Amino acid sequence: MRHSIRLLNSSNIDALLEDFTLELADIGKTTVGLTGVPLLLALKRERIGHGPYPHVTMFEAANRIMTDLVILHGVRGLLNCKALPFDEYTVEFGNEDKNGFDIRAVTASAKLVGEAFNVAPSFFQVKKSSALKKLRAGAEGATYRVVMFNSDAVSSAYSARTEAGLLQVAVDISASTVTIKPSGLESA
């Protein structure tokens, strides 16, 4: 993920996801045996030196990586969703904002913009509200607006409020499953 903006389609998504996951295999080995303050210092201050974000701390890398995984699995779900007209998605990884939105897709007749995040349940509503505010303010001409998030941020009883043109995409990065609301847009 050295480049923050990528074009994802059904031809490259599986390989990119596999390569990204392999890059994560060694993250955390430098903290084995650390506890207490030394562990916290390592997590918050030491650069990890490898993986997709080698020049940041473990704490910052974890935040970026977890959102990147939501994007990769989520876009794969969108690509498999036969109800959407898009064959490719432009995504932005990391924490940069050069593209305006984390996810974009365009055809001659439709436009999609989206925001993605991976958060703890206690912070879900704040992040979702922020994403919705950005989408409502800056998504002029978008046929679809997407809020993509980690499924474990909400309870199994969570019921997404519907809004015209808004898709809520819950991504389970462990099981590689995606739930798209409103219903009827489930990925194949």
C-alpha atoms as a PDB file:
ATOM      1  CA  MET A   1       0.000   0.000   0.000  1.00  0.00           C
ATOM      2  CA  ARG A   2       2.875   2.342  -0.643  1.00  0.00           C
ATOM      3  CA  HIS A   3       0.626   4.478  -2.847  1.00  0.00           C
ATOM      4  CA  SER A   4      -2.343   6.000  -1.090  1.00  0.00           C
ATOM      5  CA  ILE A   5      -4.723   6.101  -4.077  1.00  0.00           C
ATOM      6  CA  ARG A   6      -5.586   2.868  -5.851  1.00  0.00           C
ATOM      7  CA  LEU A   7      -7.975   1.684  -8.518  1.00  0.00           C
ATOM      8  CA  LEU A   8      -9.698  -1.526  -7.385  1.00  0.00           C
ATOM      9  CA  ASN A   9     -11.611  -3.862  -9.665  1.00  0.00           C
ATOM     10  CA  SER A  10     -12.549  -7.526  -9.821  1.00  0.00           C
ATOM     11  CA  SER A  11      -9.272  -8.315 -11.610  1.00  0.00           C
ATOM     12  CA  ASN A  12      -6.979  -7.012  -8.856  1.00  0.00           C
ATOM     13  CA  ILE A  13      -8.903  -6.882  -5.565  1.00  0.00           C
ATOM     14  CA  ASP A  14      -8.158 -10.435  -4.390  1.00  0.00           C
ATOM     15  CA  ALA A  15      -4.423 -10.173  -5.106  1.00  0.00           C
ATOM     16  CA  LEU A  16      -4.171  -6.758  -3.424  1.00  0.00           C
ATOM     17  CA  LEU A  17      -5.998  -8.044  -0.362  1.00  0.00           C
ATOM     18  CA  GLU A  18      -3.770 -11.117  -0.176  1.00  0.00           C
ATOM     19  CA  ASP A  19      -0.561  -9.076  -0.589  1.00  0.00           C
ATOM     20  CA  PHE A  20      -1.699  -6.568   2.023  1.00  0.00           C
ATOM     21  CA  THR A  21      -2.527  -9.319   4.509  1.00  0.00           C
ATOM     22  CA  LEU A  22       0.884 -10.965   3.970  1.00  0.00           C
ATOM     23  CA  GLU A  23       2.568  -7.623   4.659  1.00  0.00           C
ATOM     24  CA  LEU A  24       0.975  -7.625   8.118  1.00  0.00           C
ATOM     25  CA  ALA A  25       2.421 -10.976   9.225  1.00  0.00           C
ATOM     26  CA  ASP A  26       5.426  -9.595  11.130  1.00  0.00           C
ATOM     27  CA  ILE A  27       3.784  -6.593  12.749  1.00  0.00           C
ATOM     28  CA  GLY A  28       3.976  -6.887  16.535  1.00  0.00           C
ATOM     29  CA  LYS A  29       7.054  -9.091  16.783  1.00  0.00           C
ATOM     30  CA  THR A  30       9.089  -6.219  18.208  1.00  0.00           C
ATOM     31  CA  THR A  31       6.742  -5.913  21.187  1.00  0.00           C
ATOM     32  CA  VAL A  32       6.896  -9.569  22.276  1.00  0.00           C
ATOM     33  CA  GLY A  33       7.708  -9.735  25.969  1.00  0.00           C
ATOM     34  CA  LEU A  34       7.092  -6.048  26.610  1.00  0.00           C
ATOM     35  CA  THR A  35       4.608  -5.061  29.294  1.00  0.00           C
ATOM     36  CA  GLY A  36       3.582  -1.940  31.162  1.00  0.00           C
ATOM     37  CA  VAL A  37       5.221   1.363  30.300  1.00  0.00           C
ATOM     38  CA  PRO A  38       7.823  -0.165  27.916  1.00  0.00           C
ATOM     39  CA  LEU A  39       4.978  -1.732  25.890  1.00  0.00           C
ATOM     40  CA  LEU A  40       3.021   1.512  25.814  1.00  0.00           C
ATOM     41  CA  LEU A  41       6.090   3.465  24.754  1.00  0.00           C
ATOM     42  CA  ALA A  42       6.800   0.981  21.970  1.00  0.00           C
ATOM     43  CA  LEU A  43       3.204   1.169  20.734  1.00  0.00           C
ATOM     44  CA  LYS A  44       2.974   4.954  20.847  1.00  0.00           C
ATOM     45  CA  ARG A  45       6.543   6.096  20.056  1.00  0.00           C
ATOM     46  CA  GLU A  46       8.620   3.543  18.099  1.00  0.00           C
ATOM     47  CA  ARG A  47       8.325   3.309  14.326  1.00  0.00           C
ATOM     48  CA  ILE A  48       7.436  -0.223  13.261  1.00  0.00           C
ATOM     49  CA  GLY A  49       9.961  -0.310  10.418  1.00  0.00           C
ATOM     50  CA  HIS A  50       8.039  -2.715   8.158  1.00  0.00           C
ATOM     51  CA  GLY A  51       4.577  -3.423   6.774  1.00  0.00           C
ATOM     52  CA  PRO A  52       2.470  -1.037   4.733  1.00  0.00           C
ATOM     53  CA  TYR A  53       3.305   1.948   6.975  1.00  0.00           C
ATOM     54  CA  PRO A  54       6.907   1.416   8.149  1.00  0.00           C
ATOM     55  CA  HIS A  55       7.523   5.025   9.178  1.00  0.00           C
ATOM     56  CA  VAL A  56       4.752   5.315  11.772  1.00  0.00           C
ATOM     57  CA  THR A  57       4.195   3.855  15.235  1.00  0.00           C
ATOM     58  CA  MET A  58       2.336   0.610  15.861  1.00  0.00           C
ATOM     59  CA  PHE A  59      -0.580   2.624  17.231  1.00  0.00           C
ATOM     60  CA  GLU A  60      -0.873   4.767  14.089  1.00  0.00           C
ATOM     61  CA  ALA A  61      -0.232   1.819  11.766  1.00  0.00           C
ATOM     62  CA  ALA A  62      -3.023  -0.154  13.450  1.00  0.00           C
ATOM     63  CA  ASN A  63      -5.491   2.680  12.864  1.00  0.00           C
ATOM     64  CA  ARG A  64      -4.561   2.991   9.195  1.00  0.00           C
ATOM     65  CA  ILE A  65      -4.338  -0.756   8.533  1.00  0.00           C
ATOM     66  CA  MET A  66      -7.693  -1.545  10.105  1.00  0.00           C
ATOM     67  CA  THR A  67      -9.420   1.091   7.956  1.00  0.00           C
ATOM     68  CA  ASP A  68      -7.553  -0.131   4.867  1.00  0.00           C
ATOM     69  CA  LEU A  69      -8.856  -3.646   5.582  1.00  0.00           C
ATOM     70  CA  VAL A  70     -12.411  -2.299   5.822  1.00  0.00           C
ATOM     71  CA  ILE A  71     -11.917  -0.598   2.448  1.00  0.00           C
ATOM     72  CA  LEU A  72     -10.398  -3.660   0.751  1.00  0.00           C
ATOM     73  CA  HIS A  73     -13.017  -6.128   2.004  1.00  0.00           C
ATOM     74  CA  GLY A  74     -15.823  -3.601   1.601  1.00  0.00           C
ATOM     75  CA  VAL A  75     -14.959  -2.708  -1.980  1.00  0.00           C
ATOM     76  CA  ARG A  76     -14.724  -6.407  -2.805  1.00  0.00           C
ATOM     77  CA  GLY A  77     -18.289  -6.664  -1.474  1.00  0.00           C
ATOM     78  CA  LEU A  78     -19.377  -3.705  -3.605  1.00  0.00           C
ATOM     79  CA  LEU A  79     -17.754  -5.263  -6.682  1.00  0.00           C
ATOM     80  CA  ASN A  80     -19.730  -8.450  -6.020  1.00  0.00           C
ATOM     81  CA  CYS A  81     -22.968  -6.500  -5.559  1.00  0.00           C
ATOM     82  CA  LYS A  82     -24.799  -6.955  -8.830  1.00  0.00           C
ATOM     83  CA  ALA A  83     -27.247  -4.119  -8.045  1.00  0.00           C
ATOM     84  CA  LEU A  84     -24.529  -1.457  -8.342  1.00  0.00           C
ATOM     85  CA  PRO A  85     -23.357  -0.327 -11.807  1.00  0.00           C
ATOM     86  CA  PHE A  86     -19.641   0.074 -10.998  1.00  0.00           C
ATOM     87  CA  ASP A  87     -16.810  -2.116 -12.316  1.00  0.00           C
ATOM     88  CA  GLU A  88     -14.035  -0.264 -10.485  1.00  0.00           C
ATOM     89  CA  TYR A  89     -13.533   1.919  -7.448  1.00  0.00           C
ATOM     90  CA  THR A  90     -10.878   4.516  -6.742  1.00  0.00           C
ATOM     91  CA  VAL A  91      -9.892   4.324  -3.094  1.00  0.00           C
ATOM     92  CA  GLU A  92      -7.571   6.219  -0.847  1.00  0.00           C
ATOM     93  CA  PHE A  93      -5.629   4.314   1.794  1.00  0.00           C
ATOM     94  CA  GLY A  94      -3.938   5.667   4.875  1.00  0.00           C
ATOM     95  CA  ASN A  95      -5.053   8.916   6.402  1.00  0.00           C
ATOM     96  CA  GLU A  96      -4.519  11.291   3.504  1.00  0.00           C
ATOM     97  CA  ASP A  97      -7.317  13.194   1.824  1.00  0.00           C
ATOM     98  CA  LYS A  98      -6.135  13.924  -1.692  1.00  0.00           C
ATOM     99  CA  ASN A  99      -9.218  12.460  -3.368  1.00  0.00           C
ATOM    100  CA  GLY A 100     -11.965  14.198  -1.362  1.00  0.00           C
ATOM    101  CA  PHE A 101     -13.470  10.876  -0.269  1.00  0.00           C
ATOM    102  CA  ASP A 102     -12.062   7.481   0.694  1.00  0.00           C
ATOM    103  CA  ILE A 103     -14.038   5.725  -2.059  1.00  0.00           C
ATOM    104  CA  ARG A 104     -15.191   6.917  -5.482  1.00  0.00           C
ATOM    105  CA  ALA A 105     -16.756   5.262  -8.511  1.00  0.00           C
ATOM    106  CA  VAL A 106     -18.152   6.757 -11.699  1.00  0.00           C
ATOM    107  CA  THR A 107     -19.984   5.542 -14.784  1.00  0.00           C
ATOM    108  CA  ALA A 108     -21.713   7.541 -17.512  1.00  0.00           C
ATOM    109  CA  SER A 109     -24.950   7.432 -15.513  1.00  0.00           C
ATOM    110  CA  ALA A 110     -23.954   7.069 -11.836  1.00  0.00           C
ATOM    111  CA  LYS A 111     -21.532   8.401  -9.246  1.00  0.00           C
ATOM    112  CA  LEU A 112     -20.588   6.952  -5.854  1.00  0.00           C
ATOM    113  CA  VAL A 113     -18.641   8.605  -3.040  1.00  0.00           C
ATOM    114  CA  GLY A 114     -17.904   7.070   0.322  1.00  0.00           C
ATOM    115  CA  GLU A 115     -16.159   7.319   3.650  1.00  0.00           C
ATOM    116  CA  ALA A 116     -14.661   4.361   5.526  1.00  0.00           C
ATOM    117  CA  PHE A 117     -13.510   3.807   9.088  1.00  0.00           C
ATOM    118  CA  ASN A 118     -12.720   1.134  11.665  1.00  0.00           C
ATOM    119  CA  VAL A 119     -13.553   2.113  15.243  1.00  0.00           C
ATOM    120  CA  ALA A 120     -14.383   0.784  18.667  1.00  0.00           C
ATOM    121  CA  PRO A 121     -18.115   0.510  19.411  1.00  0.00           C
ATOM    122  CA  SER A 122     -17.866   3.407  21.870  1.00  0.00           C
ATOM    123  CA  PHE A 123     -16.755   5.745  19.062  1.00  0.00           C
ATOM    124  CA  PHE A 124     -19.010   4.461  16.256  1.00  0.00           C
ATOM    125  CA  GLN A 125     -21.747   7.108  16.427  1.00  0.00           C
ATOM    126  CA  VAL A 126     -19.212   9.960  16.467  1.00  0.00           C
ATOM    127  CA  LYS A 127     -17.346   8.603  13.407  1.00  0.00           C
ATOM    128  CA  LYS A 128     -20.570   7.788  11.569  1.00  0.00           C
ATOM    129  CA  SER A 129     -21.947  11.283  12.224  1.00  0.00           C
ATOM    130  CA  SER A 130     -18.714  12.825  10.943  1.00  0.00           C
ATOM    131  CA  ALA A 131     -18.790  10.678   7.788  1.00  0.00           C
ATOM    132  CA  LEU A 132     -22.449  11.491   7.129  1.00  0.00           C
ATOM    133  CA  LYS A 133     -21.801  15.203   7.599  1.00  0.00           C
ATOM    134  CA  LYS A 134     -18.968  15.076   5.047  1.00  0.00           C
ATOM    135  CA  LEU A 135     -21.076  13.061   2.595  1.00  0.00           C
ATOM    136  CA  ARG A 136     -24.089  15.352   2.924  1.00  0.00           C
ATOM    137  CA  ALA A 137     -21.984  18.490   2.450  1.00  0.00           C
ATOM    138  CA  GLY A 138     -19.707  17.419  -0.379  1.00  0.00           C
ATOM    139  CA  ALA A 139     -21.419  14.721  -2.409  1.00  0.00           C
ATOM    140  CA  GLU A 140     -23.078  16.904  -5.024  1.00  0.00           C
ATOM    141  CA  GLY A 141     -24.301  14.859  -7.958  1.00  0.00           C
ATOM    142  CA  ALA A 142     -23.641  11.530  -6.260  1.00  0.00           C
ATOM    143  CA  THR A 143     -26.148   8.804  -7.038  1.00  0.00           C
ATOM    144  CA  TYR A 144     -24.817   6.732  -4.149  1.00  0.00           C
ATOM    145  CA  ARG A 145     -23.199   7.738  -0.874  1.00  0.00           C
ATOM    146  CA  VAL A 146     -21.488   5.049   1.205  1.00  0.00           C
ATOM    147  CA  VAL A 147     -20.588   4.816   4.864  1.00  0.00           C
ATOM    148  CA  MET A 148     -18.311   1.776   5.244  1.00  0.00           C
ATOM    149  CA  PHE A 149     -17.335   0.517   8.700  1.00  0.00           C
ATOM    150  CA  ASN A 150     -16.220  -2.503  10.713  1.00  0.00           C
ATOM    151  CA  SER A 151     -19.201  -4.688  11.594  1.00  0.00           C
ATOM    152  CA  ASP A 152     -18.013  -5.270  15.163  1.00  0.00           C
ATOM    153  CA  ALA A 153     -18.498  -1.560  15.876  1.00  0.00           C
ATOM    154  CA  VAL A 154     -22.256  -2.181  16.087  1.00  0.00           C
ATOM    155  CA  SER A 155     -24.398  -4.813  17.779  1.00  0.00           C
ATOM    156  CA  SER A 156     -26.066  -7.537  15.744  1.00  0.00           C
ATOM    157  CA  ALA A 157     -29.362  -5.729  16.415  1.00  0.00           C
ATOM    158  CA  TYR A 158     -28.094  -2.509  14.770  1.00  0.00           C
ATOM    159  CA  SER A 159     -30.574  -1.146  12.283  1.00  0.00           C
ATOM    160  CA  ALA A 160     -29.169   1.435   9.907  1.00  0.00           C
ATOM    161  CA  ARG A 161     -31.466   4.385   9.233  1.00  0.00           C
ATOM    162  CA  THR A 162     -32.311   4.654   5.591  1.00  0.00           C
ATOM    163  CA  GLU A 163     -31.757   7.790   3.583  1.00  0.00           C
ATOM    164  CA  ALA A 164     -32.186   8.171  -0.173  1.00  0.00           C
ATOM    165  CA  GLY A 165     -28.996   7.138  -1.981  1.00  0.00           C
ATOM    166  CA  LEU A 166     -27.154   6.191   1.232  1.00  0.00           C
ATOM    167  CA  LEU A 167     -25.613   2.741   1.610  1.00  0.00           C
ATOM    168  CA  GLN A 168     -24.257   1.523   4.923  1.00  0.00           C
ATOM    169  CA  VAL A 169     -21.665  -1.190   4.421  1.00  0.00           C
ATOM    170  CA  ALA A 170     -20.734  -3.249   7.482  1.00  0.00           C
ATOM    171  CA  VAL A 171     -17.505  -5.204   6.956  1.00  0.00           C
ATOM    172  CA  ASP A 172     -16.311  -8.184   8.985  1.00  0.00           C
ATOM    173  CA  ILE A 173     -12.589  -8.243   8.187  1.00  0.00           C
ATOM    174  CA  SER A 174     -12.056 -11.560  10.011  1.00  0.00           C
ATOM    175  CA  ALA A 175     -14.736 -13.488   8.113  1.00  0.00           C
ATOM    176  CA  SER A 176     -14.407 -11.375   4.944  1.00  0.00           C
ATOM    177  CA  THR A 177     -18.162 -10.785   4.848  1.00  0.00           C
ATOM    178  CA  VAL A 178     -20.007  -7.638   3.906  1.00  0.00           C
ATOM    179  CA  THR A 179     -23.556  -6.528   4.689  1.00  0.00           C
ATOM    180  CA  ILE A 180     -24.948  -3.722   2.575  1.00  0.00           C
ATOM    181  CA  LYS A 181     -28.013  -1.784   3.736  1.00  0.00           C
ATOM    182  CA  PRO A 182     -30.596  -1.073   2.553  1.00  0.00           C
ATOM    183  CA  SER A 183     -31.443  -4.712   2.013  1.00  0.00           C
ATOM    184  CA  GLY A 184     -31.557  -6.014  -1.517  1.00  0.00           C
ATOM    185  CA  LEU A 185     -28.020  -4.915  -2.282  1.00  0.00           C
ATOM    186  CA  GLU A 186     -26.260  -7.809  -0.545  1.00  0.00           C
ATOM    187  CA  SER A 187     -23.030  -8.847  -2.222  1.00  0.00           C
ATOM    188  CA  ALA A 188     -22.973 -12.138  -4.086  1.00  0.00           C
END
